[in-house]
């Protein structure tokens, strides 16, 4: 009886998939985060956001300036409001830059595709121009209808003249 030889497979073999290592770092989808940042940047650029922020600041300042002292949560220099607006700006700026970078990448890809399409169009146009020039050259070598009519007319005139000459020469003999 022949003994079957099977190679011993280890966990480091290429025949086994590697297990995903566990990490304490949070994982995220960069594309999803990028799409979210673009939506956020678009929202920051709308009139709705400007009106909302204006009403929020007017309400904040009005409440803290005109309400009774025990109901105010932010006194006159409005330091807490300044802190909130600075925090919002510190998060908004990088998100806007991320959205701009993604848009610049899309514009660069679109520009490359446009350039490639333009090069193909130029090549096609040059090819068609060469074909048209060769057709014009070929057509100029062909006999036109007017040329054929004039040649046939000339040939008929010559034949008629020869017939007339031969008839006159027969009559004169």
N, C-alpha and C. Protein backbone atom coordinates (compact mmCIF):
# COMPACT_ATOMS: atom_id res chain seq x y z
N UNK A 1 0.83 -1.17 0.00
CA UNK A 1 0.00 0.00 0.00
C UNK A 1 0.88 1.24 0.00
N UNK A 2 0.58 2.16 -0.91
CA UNK A 2 1.39 3.39 -1.02
C UNK A 2 0.93 4.39 0.02
N UNK A 3 1.90 5.01 0.57
CA UNK A 3 1.62 6.01 1.59
C UNK A 3 1.37 7.36 0.92
N UNK A 4 0.28 8.03 1.29
CA UNK A 4 -0.04 9.35 0.73
C UNK A 4 0.83 10.40 1.42
N UNK A 5 1.46 11.21 0.58
CA UNK A 5 2.30 12.27 1.14
C UNK A 5 1.53 13.59 1.00
N UNK A 6 1.20 14.14 2.12
CA UNK A 6 0.52 15.44 2.10
C UNK A 6 1.40 16.43 2.85
N UNK A 7 1.60 17.58 2.23
CA UNK A 7 2.43 18.57 2.93
C UNK A 7 1.69 19.11 4.13
N UNK A 8 2.44 19.40 5.14
CA UNK A 8 1.85 19.94 6.35
C UNK A 8 1.59 21.43 6.14
N UNK A 9 0.36 21.85 6.34
CA UNK A 9 -0.02 23.25 6.14
C UNK A 9 0.03 23.98 7.47
N UNK A 10 0.62 25.14 7.43
CA UNK A 10 0.67 25.95 8.65
C UNK A 10 -0.24 27.15 8.49
N UNK A 11 -0.45 27.86 9.55
CA UNK A 11 -1.31 29.04 9.50
C UNK A 11 -0.68 30.16 8.68
N UNK A 12 0.64 30.11 8.49
CA UNK A 12 1.32 31.12 7.69
C UNK A 12 1.28 30.81 6.21
N UNK A 13 0.71 29.68 5.84
CA UNK A 13 0.63 29.27 4.45
C UNK A 13 -0.30 30.22 3.69
N UNK A 14 -0.06 30.32 2.40
CA UNK A 14 -0.89 31.18 1.56
C UNK A 14 -2.28 30.59 1.32
N UNK A 15 -2.48 29.35 1.69
CA UNK A 15 -3.77 28.72 1.49
C UNK A 15 -4.79 29.10 2.56
N UNK A 16 -4.35 29.74 3.61
CA UNK A 16 -5.24 30.18 4.66
C UNK A 16 -5.31 31.70 4.66
N UNK A 17 -6.52 32.26 4.72
CA UNK A 17 -6.61 33.73 4.81
C UNK A 17 -6.12 34.21 6.17
N UNK A 18 -5.55 35.38 6.16
CA UNK A 18 -5.11 35.95 7.43
C UNK A 18 -6.30 36.48 8.19
N UNK A 19 -6.21 36.35 9.48
CA UNK A 19 -7.26 36.91 10.31
C UNK A 19 -7.00 38.39 10.46
N UNK A 20 -8.06 39.12 10.44
CA UNK A 20 -7.91 40.57 10.62
C UNK A 20 -7.46 40.84 12.04
N UNK A 21 -6.44 41.64 12.14
CA UNK A 21 -5.94 41.96 13.47
C UNK A 21 -6.87 42.93 14.16
N UNK A 22 -7.00 42.75 15.41
CA UNK A 22 -7.86 43.67 16.17
C UNK A 22 -7.05 44.90 16.53
N UNK A 23 -7.73 46.02 16.48
CA UNK A 23 -7.05 47.27 16.76
C UNK A 23 -7.96 48.12 17.64
N UNK A 24 -7.33 48.92 18.45
CA UNK A 24 -8.11 49.83 19.29
C UNK A 24 -8.46 51.12 18.54
N UNK A 25 -7.79 51.31 17.39
CA UNK A 25 -8.09 52.50 16.60
C UNK A 25 -9.45 52.34 15.92
N UNK A 26 -10.23 53.41 15.91
CA UNK A 26 -11.53 53.30 15.23
C UNK A 26 -11.32 53.24 13.71
N UNK A 27 -12.16 52.45 13.05
CA UNK A 27 -12.08 52.38 11.60
C UNK A 27 -13.25 53.19 11.01
N UNK A 28 -12.98 53.77 9.86
CA UNK A 28 -14.01 54.56 9.19
C UNK A 28 -13.80 54.46 7.70
N UNK A 29 -14.84 54.72 6.98
CA UNK A 29 -14.77 54.71 5.52
C UNK A 29 -14.41 56.12 5.06
N UNK A 30 -13.25 56.34 4.47
CA UNK A 30 -12.86 57.69 4.06
C UNK A 30 -13.81 58.29 3.03
N UNK A 31 -14.35 57.45 2.15
CA UNK A 31 -15.27 57.98 1.14
C UNK A 31 -16.56 58.48 1.79
N UNK A 32 -17.08 57.72 2.74
CA UNK A 32 -18.31 58.14 3.42
C UNK A 32 -18.06 59.43 4.19
N UNK A 33 -16.91 59.51 4.86
CA UNK A 33 -16.57 60.73 5.59
C UNK A 33 -16.41 61.91 4.63
N UNK A 34 -15.79 61.66 3.48
CA UNK A 34 -15.63 62.71 2.47
C UNK A 34 -16.96 63.20 1.93
N UNK A 35 -17.87 62.25 1.67
CA UNK A 35 -19.21 62.65 1.19
C UNK A 35 -19.93 63.47 2.24
N UNK A 36 -19.80 63.04 3.50
CA UNK A 36 -20.45 63.79 4.58
C UNK A 36 -19.86 65.20 4.69
N UNK A 37 -18.54 65.31 4.55
CA UNK A 37 -17.91 66.64 4.64
C UNK A 37 -18.37 67.54 3.50
N UNK A 38 -18.57 66.97 2.30
CA UNK A 38 -19.07 67.77 1.18
C UNK A 38 -20.49 68.25 1.45
N UNK A 39 -21.32 67.38 2.01
CA UNK A 39 -22.69 67.81 2.34
C UNK A 39 -22.67 68.90 3.39
N UNK A 40 -21.81 68.75 4.38
CA UNK A 40 -21.70 69.76 5.43
C UNK A 40 -21.21 71.09 4.86
N UNK A 41 -20.21 71.03 3.98
CA UNK A 41 -19.68 72.25 3.36
C UNK A 41 -20.75 72.92 2.49
N UNK A 42 -21.53 72.11 1.77
CA UNK A 42 -22.61 72.68 0.97
C UNK A 42 -23.64 73.36 1.86
N UNK A 43 -23.96 72.73 3.02
CA UNK A 43 -24.93 73.32 3.94
C UNK A 43 -24.41 74.63 4.51
N UNK A 44 -23.11 74.70 4.81
CA UNK A 44 -22.54 75.94 5.36
C UNK A 44 -22.60 77.08 4.37
N UNK A 45 -22.68 76.76 3.11
CA UNK A 45 -22.72 77.80 2.08
C UNK A 45 -24.12 78.20 1.68
N UNK A 46 -25.14 77.77 2.40
CA UNK A 46 -26.51 78.09 2.01
C UNK A 46 -27.05 79.28 2.80
N UNK A 47 -28.07 79.89 2.25
CA UNK A 47 -28.74 81.00 2.94
C UNK A 47 -29.45 80.48 4.19
N UNK A 48 -29.93 79.24 4.15
CA UNK A 48 -30.60 78.65 5.30
C UNK A 48 -29.67 78.64 6.52
N UNK A 49 -28.40 78.24 6.31
CA UNK A 49 -27.45 78.21 7.42
C UNK A 49 -27.19 79.62 7.93
N UNK A 50 -27.00 80.57 7.02
CA UNK A 50 -26.73 81.94 7.45
C UNK A 50 -27.90 82.52 8.25
N UNK A 51 -29.10 82.25 7.82
CA UNK A 51 -30.28 82.73 8.55
C UNK A 51 -30.37 82.04 9.91
N UNK A 52 -30.15 80.72 9.93
CA UNK A 52 -30.20 79.98 11.19
C UNK A 52 -29.16 80.53 12.17
N UNK A 53 -27.93 80.70 11.71
CA UNK A 53 -26.87 81.22 12.59
C UNK A 53 -27.18 82.64 13.05
N UNK A 54 -27.72 83.45 12.15
CA UNK A 54 -28.07 84.83 12.53
C UNK A 54 -29.13 84.83 13.62
N UNK A 55 -30.19 84.03 13.46
CA UNK A 55 -31.22 83.95 14.49
C UNK A 55 -30.67 83.39 15.79
N UNK A 56 -29.79 82.40 15.70
CA UNK A 56 -29.18 81.81 16.90
C UNK A 56 -28.38 82.87 17.66
N UNK A 57 -27.55 83.63 16.96
CA UNK A 57 -26.72 84.65 17.63
C UNK A 57 -27.59 85.78 18.17
N UNK A 58 -28.60 86.20 17.38
CA UNK A 58 -29.50 87.27 17.85
C UNK A 58 -30.26 86.81 19.09
N UNK A 59 -30.76 85.57 19.08
CA UNK A 59 -31.45 85.04 20.25
C UNK A 59 -30.50 84.98 21.45
N UNK A 60 -29.31 84.47 21.25
CA UNK A 60 -28.32 84.32 22.32
C UNK A 60 -28.00 85.68 22.94
N UNK A 61 -27.67 86.64 22.09
CA UNK A 61 -27.31 87.97 22.59
C UNK A 61 -28.53 88.63 23.23
N UNK A 62 -29.68 88.52 22.59
CA UNK A 62 -30.90 89.13 23.14
C UNK A 62 -31.27 88.55 24.49
N UNK A 63 -31.24 87.23 24.60
CA UNK A 63 -31.59 86.58 25.87
C UNK A 63 -30.62 86.99 26.97
N UNK A 64 -29.33 86.95 26.66
CA UNK A 64 -28.33 87.23 27.69
C UNK A 64 -28.16 88.72 27.96
N UNK A 65 -28.74 89.58 27.16
CA UNK A 65 -28.65 91.02 27.41
C UNK A 65 -29.94 91.54 28.04
N UNK A 66 -31.09 90.95 27.69
CA UNK A 66 -32.35 91.53 28.11
C UNK A 66 -33.10 90.72 29.18
N UNK A 67 -32.72 89.48 29.40
CA UNK A 67 -33.46 88.67 30.39
C UNK A 67 -33.00 89.03 31.81
N UNK A 68 -33.81 88.63 32.84
CA UNK A 68 -33.40 88.88 34.23
C UNK A 68 -32.06 88.22 34.53
N UNK A 69 -31.31 88.76 35.43
CA UNK A 69 -29.95 88.33 35.74
C UNK A 69 -29.82 86.87 36.11
N UNK A 70 -30.81 86.31 36.81
CA UNK A 70 -30.69 84.92 37.24
C UNK A 70 -30.95 83.93 36.10
N UNK A 71 -31.52 84.37 34.95
CA UNK A 71 -31.78 83.49 33.80
C UNK A 71 -30.69 83.58 32.73
N UNK A 72 -29.74 84.46 32.91
CA UNK A 72 -28.66 84.61 31.92
C UNK A 72 -27.61 83.54 32.14
N UNK A 73 -27.17 82.92 31.08
CA UNK A 73 -26.10 81.92 31.22
C UNK A 73 -24.78 82.41 30.64
N UNK A 74 -24.80 83.55 29.95
CA UNK A 74 -23.57 84.09 29.36
C UNK A 74 -23.65 85.61 29.48
N UNK A 75 -22.81 86.19 30.32
CA UNK A 75 -22.87 87.64 30.57
C UNK A 75 -22.30 88.41 29.38
N UNK A 76 -22.28 89.74 29.50
CA UNK A 76 -22.04 90.66 28.40
C UNK A 76 -20.89 90.31 27.46
N UNK A 77 -19.71 90.00 27.85
CA UNK A 77 -18.72 89.78 26.78
C UNK A 77 -19.04 88.56 25.92
N UNK A 78 -20.04 87.77 26.35
CA UNK A 78 -20.51 86.61 25.59
C UNK A 78 -19.35 85.67 25.25
N UNK A 79 -18.60 85.31 26.26
CA UNK A 79 -17.43 84.45 26.07
C UNK A 79 -17.85 83.04 25.65
N UNK A 80 -18.93 82.53 26.21
CA UNK A 80 -19.39 81.19 25.85
C UNK A 80 -19.85 81.15 24.39
N UNK A 81 -20.52 82.19 23.93
CA UNK A 81 -20.94 82.29 22.53
C UNK A 81 -19.71 82.33 21.62
N UNK A 82 -18.72 83.11 22.02
CA UNK A 82 -17.48 83.19 21.24
C UNK A 82 -16.81 81.81 21.18
N UNK A 83 -16.81 81.10 22.30
CA UNK A 83 -16.23 79.77 22.34
C UNK A 83 -16.98 78.82 21.39
N UNK A 84 -18.32 78.86 21.42
CA UNK A 84 -19.10 77.99 20.54
C UNK A 84 -18.86 78.31 19.07
N UNK A 85 -18.82 79.60 18.73
CA UNK A 85 -18.59 79.98 17.34
C UNK A 85 -17.18 79.60 16.89
N UNK A 86 -16.20 79.74 17.77
CA UNK A 86 -14.83 79.34 17.44
C UNK A 86 -14.74 77.83 17.25
N UNK A 87 -15.42 77.08 18.09
CA UNK A 87 -15.44 75.63 17.97
C UNK A 87 -16.08 75.22 16.64
N UNK A 88 -17.19 75.85 16.32
CA UNK A 88 -17.85 75.55 15.04
C UNK A 88 -16.93 75.89 13.88
N UNK A 89 -16.25 77.01 13.94
CA UNK A 89 -15.34 77.40 12.86
C UNK A 89 -14.13 76.46 12.78
N UNK A 90 -13.64 76.00 13.93
CA UNK A 90 -12.47 75.11 13.92
C UNK A 90 -12.80 73.76 13.31
N UNK A 91 -14.06 73.33 13.40
CA UNK A 91 -14.45 72.09 12.74
C UNK A 91 -14.87 72.33 11.30
N UNK A 92 -15.46 73.47 11.03
CA UNK A 92 -15.96 73.73 9.68
C UNK A 92 -14.81 73.93 8.69
N UNK A 93 -13.76 74.62 9.09
CA UNK A 93 -12.66 74.92 8.16
C UNK A 93 -12.02 73.66 7.58
N UNK A 94 -11.61 72.68 8.40
CA UNK A 94 -11.02 71.48 7.80
C UNK A 94 -12.01 70.69 6.94
N UNK A 95 -13.27 70.67 7.35
CA UNK A 95 -14.26 69.95 6.53
C UNK A 95 -14.45 70.63 5.19
N UNK A 96 -14.45 71.94 5.18
CA UNK A 96 -14.57 72.68 3.92
C UNK A 96 -13.35 72.42 3.05
N UNK A 97 -12.15 72.42 3.66
CA UNK A 97 -10.94 72.14 2.89
C UNK A 97 -10.95 70.72 2.33
N UNK A 98 -11.43 69.76 3.11
CA UNK A 98 -11.54 68.39 2.62
C UNK A 98 -12.49 68.33 1.42
N UNK A 99 -13.61 69.01 1.53
CA UNK A 99 -14.57 69.03 0.42
C UNK A 99 -13.95 69.69 -0.82
N UNK A 100 -13.19 70.77 -0.61
CA UNK A 100 -12.54 71.44 -1.73
C UNK A 100 -11.49 70.54 -2.37
N UNK A 101 -10.74 69.79 -1.57
CA UNK A 101 -9.74 68.88 -2.12
C UNK A 101 -10.39 67.78 -2.94
N UNK A 102 -11.51 67.25 -2.44
CA UNK A 102 -12.22 66.22 -3.20
C UNK A 102 -12.75 66.79 -4.51
N UNK A 103 -13.25 68.03 -4.47
CA UNK A 103 -13.74 68.66 -5.70
C UNK A 103 -12.58 68.92 -6.66
N UNK A 104 -11.43 69.32 -6.14
CA UNK A 104 -10.26 69.54 -6.99
C UNK A 104 -9.82 68.24 -7.65
N UNK A 105 -9.89 67.13 -6.91
CA UNK A 105 -9.55 65.83 -7.49
C UNK A 105 -10.53 65.46 -8.61
N UNK A 106 -11.82 65.68 -8.37
CA UNK A 106 -12.81 65.40 -9.41
C UNK A 106 -12.58 66.30 -10.62
N UNK A 107 -12.27 67.57 -10.40
CA UNK A 107 -12.01 68.49 -11.51
C UNK A 107 -10.77 68.07 -12.30
N UNK A 108 -9.74 67.60 -11.61
CA UNK A 108 -8.52 67.15 -12.28
C UNK A 108 -8.82 65.93 -13.15
N UNK A 109 -9.59 64.99 -12.62
CA UNK A 109 -9.95 63.80 -13.40
C UNK A 109 -10.80 64.20 -14.60
N UNK A 110 -11.76 65.08 -14.38
CA UNK A 110 -12.62 65.54 -15.47
C UNK A 110 -11.80 66.26 -16.53
N UNK A 111 -10.82 67.07 -16.10
CA UNK A 111 -9.95 67.77 -17.04
C UNK A 111 -9.13 66.80 -17.87
N UNK A 112 -8.61 65.74 -17.23
CA UNK A 112 -7.85 64.73 -17.98
C UNK A 112 -8.73 64.01 -18.98
N UNK A 113 -9.96 63.69 -18.58
CA UNK A 113 -10.89 63.04 -19.51
C UNK A 113 -11.25 63.97 -20.65
N UNK A 114 -11.45 65.25 -20.36
CA UNK A 114 -11.76 66.22 -21.42
C UNK A 114 -10.59 66.35 -22.39
N UNK A 115 -9.35 66.39 -21.85
CA UNK A 115 -8.18 66.48 -22.72
C UNK A 115 -8.08 65.26 -23.62
N UNK A 116 -8.30 64.08 -23.05
CA UNK A 116 -8.23 62.86 -23.86
C UNK A 116 -9.31 62.86 -24.94
N UNK A 117 -10.52 63.29 -24.58
CA UNK A 117 -11.60 63.35 -25.56
C UNK A 117 -11.27 64.37 -26.65
N UNK A 118 -10.70 65.51 -26.26
CA UNK A 118 -10.32 66.53 -27.24
C UNK A 118 -9.25 66.00 -28.18
N UNK A 119 -8.27 65.26 -27.65
CA UNK A 119 -7.23 64.69 -28.51
C UNK A 119 -7.82 63.70 -29.50
N UNK A 120 -8.78 62.88 -29.03
CA UNK A 120 -9.43 61.95 -29.95
C UNK A 120 -10.21 62.71 -31.02
N UNK A 121 -10.89 63.78 -30.63
CA UNK A 121 -11.65 64.57 -31.60
C UNK A 121 -10.73 65.22 -32.62
N UNK A 122 -9.58 65.73 -32.17
CA UNK A 122 -8.62 66.33 -33.10
C UNK A 122 -8.10 65.27 -34.07
N UNK A 123 -7.77 64.09 -33.54
CA UNK A 123 -7.28 63.01 -34.41
C UNK A 123 -8.36 62.60 -35.41
N UNK A 124 -9.60 62.49 -34.97
CA UNK A 124 -10.69 62.14 -35.89
C UNK A 124 -10.89 63.22 -36.94
N UNK A 125 -10.81 64.48 -36.53
CA UNK A 125 -10.98 65.58 -37.47
C UNK A 125 -9.85 65.60 -38.51
N UNK A 126 -8.62 65.37 -38.06
CA UNK A 126 -7.50 65.34 -39.00
C UNK A 126 -7.66 64.17 -39.98
N UNK A 127 -8.10 63.03 -39.47
CA UNK A 127 -8.32 61.87 -40.35
C UNK A 127 -9.39 62.20 -41.39
N UNK A 128 -10.49 62.78 -40.95
CA UNK A 128 -11.57 63.11 -41.90
C UNK A 128 -11.11 64.16 -42.91
N UNK A 129 -10.28 65.11 -42.48
CA UNK A 129 -9.76 66.12 -43.40
C UNK A 129 -8.87 65.47 -44.46
N UNK A 130 -8.02 64.51 -44.04
CA UNK A 130 -7.18 63.80 -45.01
C UNK A 130 -8.03 62.98 -45.98
N UNK A 131 -9.07 62.32 -45.45
CA UNK A 131 -9.95 61.53 -46.32
C UNK A 131 -10.68 62.43 -47.32
N UNK A 132 -11.13 63.57 -46.85
CA UNK A 132 -11.82 64.50 -47.73
C UNK A 132 -10.88 65.02 -48.82
N UNK A 133 -9.65 65.32 -48.44
CA UNK A 133 -8.67 65.78 -49.43
C UNK A 133 -8.39 64.70 -50.46
N UNK A 134 -8.28 63.44 -50.02
CA UNK A 134 -8.03 62.35 -50.98
C UNK A 134 -9.24 62.15 -51.89
N UNK A 135 -10.44 62.30 -51.36
CA UNK A 135 -11.65 62.20 -52.20
C UNK A 135 -11.70 63.32 -53.23
N UNK A 136 -11.34 64.52 -52.82
CA UNK A 136 -11.31 65.64 -53.78
C UNK A 136 -10.29 65.38 -54.89
N UNK A 137 -9.15 64.85 -54.50
CA UNK A 137 -8.12 64.54 -55.50
C UNK A 137 -8.64 63.45 -56.44
N UNK A 138 -9.27 62.42 -55.90
CA UNK A 138 -9.79 61.34 -56.73
C UNK A 138 -10.91 61.84 -57.64
N UNK A 139 -11.74 62.70 -57.14
CA UNK A 139 -12.86 63.23 -57.95
C UNK A 139 -12.35 64.14 -59.04
N UNK A 140 -11.29 64.88 -58.76
CA UNK A 140 -10.78 65.79 -59.80
C UNK A 140 -10.20 65.00 -60.96
N UNK A 141 -9.77 63.75 -60.74
CA UNK A 141 -9.25 62.92 -61.81
C UNK A 141 -10.37 62.27 -62.62
N UNK A 142 -11.58 62.23 -62.11
CA UNK A 142 -12.70 61.62 -62.81
C UNK A 142 -13.28 62.59 -63.83
N UNK A 143 -13.87 62.02 -64.84
CA UNK A 143 -14.52 62.84 -65.87
C UNK A 143 -15.86 63.31 -65.35
N UNK A 144 -16.13 64.59 -65.49
CA UNK A 144 -17.41 65.12 -65.05
C UNK A 144 -18.43 65.00 -66.16
N UNK A 145 -19.67 65.19 -65.83
CA UNK A 145 -20.76 65.10 -66.80
C UNK A 145 -20.58 66.14 -67.90
N UNK A 146 -20.24 67.34 -67.55
CA UNK A 146 -20.06 68.41 -68.55
C UNK A 146 -18.88 68.10 -69.49
N UNK A 147 -17.80 67.54 -68.88
CA UNK A 147 -16.65 67.18 -69.71
C UNK A 147 -17.03 66.10 -70.71
N UNK A 148 -17.79 65.07 -70.22
CA UNK A 148 -18.22 63.99 -71.12
C UNK A 148 -19.14 64.52 -72.21
N UNK A 149 -20.05 65.40 -71.86
CA UNK A 149 -20.96 65.98 -72.86
C UNK A 149 -20.17 66.74 -73.93
N UNK A 150 -19.21 67.52 -73.49
CA UNK A 150 -18.43 68.30 -74.47
C UNK A 150 -17.59 67.38 -75.35
N UNK A 151 -17.02 66.30 -74.79
CA UNK A 151 -16.23 65.36 -75.59
C UNK A 151 -17.12 64.63 -76.59
N UNK A 152 -18.31 64.18 -76.12
CA UNK A 152 -19.23 63.49 -77.03
C UNK A 152 -19.70 64.44 -78.12
N UNK A 153 -19.98 65.68 -77.73
CA UNK A 153 -20.40 66.67 -78.72
C UNK A 153 -19.30 66.92 -79.75
N UNK A 154 -18.07 67.04 -79.29
CA UNK A 154 -16.93 67.23 -80.21
C UNK A 154 -16.77 66.01 -81.12
N UNK A 155 -16.91 64.81 -80.54
CA UNK A 155 -16.77 63.59 -81.35
C UNK A 155 -17.89 63.51 -82.38
N UNK A 156 -19.10 63.88 -82.01
CA UNK A 156 -20.22 63.86 -82.96
C UNK A 156 -19.99 64.88 -84.07
N UNK A 157 -19.48 66.05 -83.68
CA UNK A 157 -19.19 67.07 -84.71
C UNK A 157 -18.13 66.56 -85.68
N UNK A 158 -17.11 65.89 -85.18
CA UNK A 158 -16.06 65.35 -86.06
C UNK A 158 -16.63 64.27 -86.97
N UNK A 159 -17.48 63.37 -86.37
CA UNK A 159 -18.08 62.33 -87.19
C UNK A 159 -18.99 62.91 -88.27
N UNK A 160 -19.78 63.89 -87.87
CA UNK A 160 -20.65 64.53 -88.85
C UNK A 160 -19.85 65.22 -89.95
N UNK A 161 -18.76 65.83 -89.57
CA UNK A 161 -17.90 66.51 -90.55
C UNK A 161 -17.27 65.49 -91.49
N UNK A 162 -16.81 64.33 -90.94
CA UNK A 162 -16.22 63.30 -91.77
C UNK A 162 -17.26 62.70 -92.71
N UNK A 163 -18.47 62.48 -92.16
CA UNK A 163 -19.54 61.96 -93.01
C UNK A 163 -19.88 62.92 -94.13
N UNK A 164 -19.92 64.19 -93.77
CA UNK A 164 -20.23 65.21 -94.77
C UNK A 164 -19.12 65.29 -95.81
N UNK A 165 -17.86 65.22 -95.34
CA UNK A 165 -16.73 65.27 -96.26
C UNK A 165 -16.72 64.03 -97.17
N UNK A 166 -16.99 62.87 -96.56
CA UNK A 166 -17.00 61.65 -97.38
C UNK A 166 -18.17 61.66 -98.36
N UNK A 167 -19.30 62.22 -97.98
CA UNK A 167 -20.45 62.33 -98.88
C UNK A 167 -20.14 63.32 -100.00
N UNK A 168 -19.49 64.42 -99.64
CA UNK A 168 -19.13 65.39 -100.67
C UNK A 168 -18.09 64.82 -101.64
N UNK A 169 -17.18 64.05 -101.13
CA UNK A 169 -16.15 63.49 -102.00
C UNK A 169 -16.74 62.42 -102.92
N UNK A 170 -17.74 61.67 -102.47
CA UNK A 170 -18.42 60.69 -103.30
C UNK A 170 -19.25 61.38 -104.37
N UNK A 171 -19.86 62.48 -104.00
CA UNK A 171 -20.70 63.21 -104.95
C UNK A 171 -19.86 63.89 -106.03
N UNK A 172 -18.71 64.29 -105.69
CA UNK A 172 -17.88 64.99 -106.65
C UNK A 172 -17.21 63.98 -107.63
N UNK A 173 -17.16 62.77 -107.39
CA UNK A 173 -16.56 61.80 -108.30
C UNK A 173 -17.56 61.43 -109.28
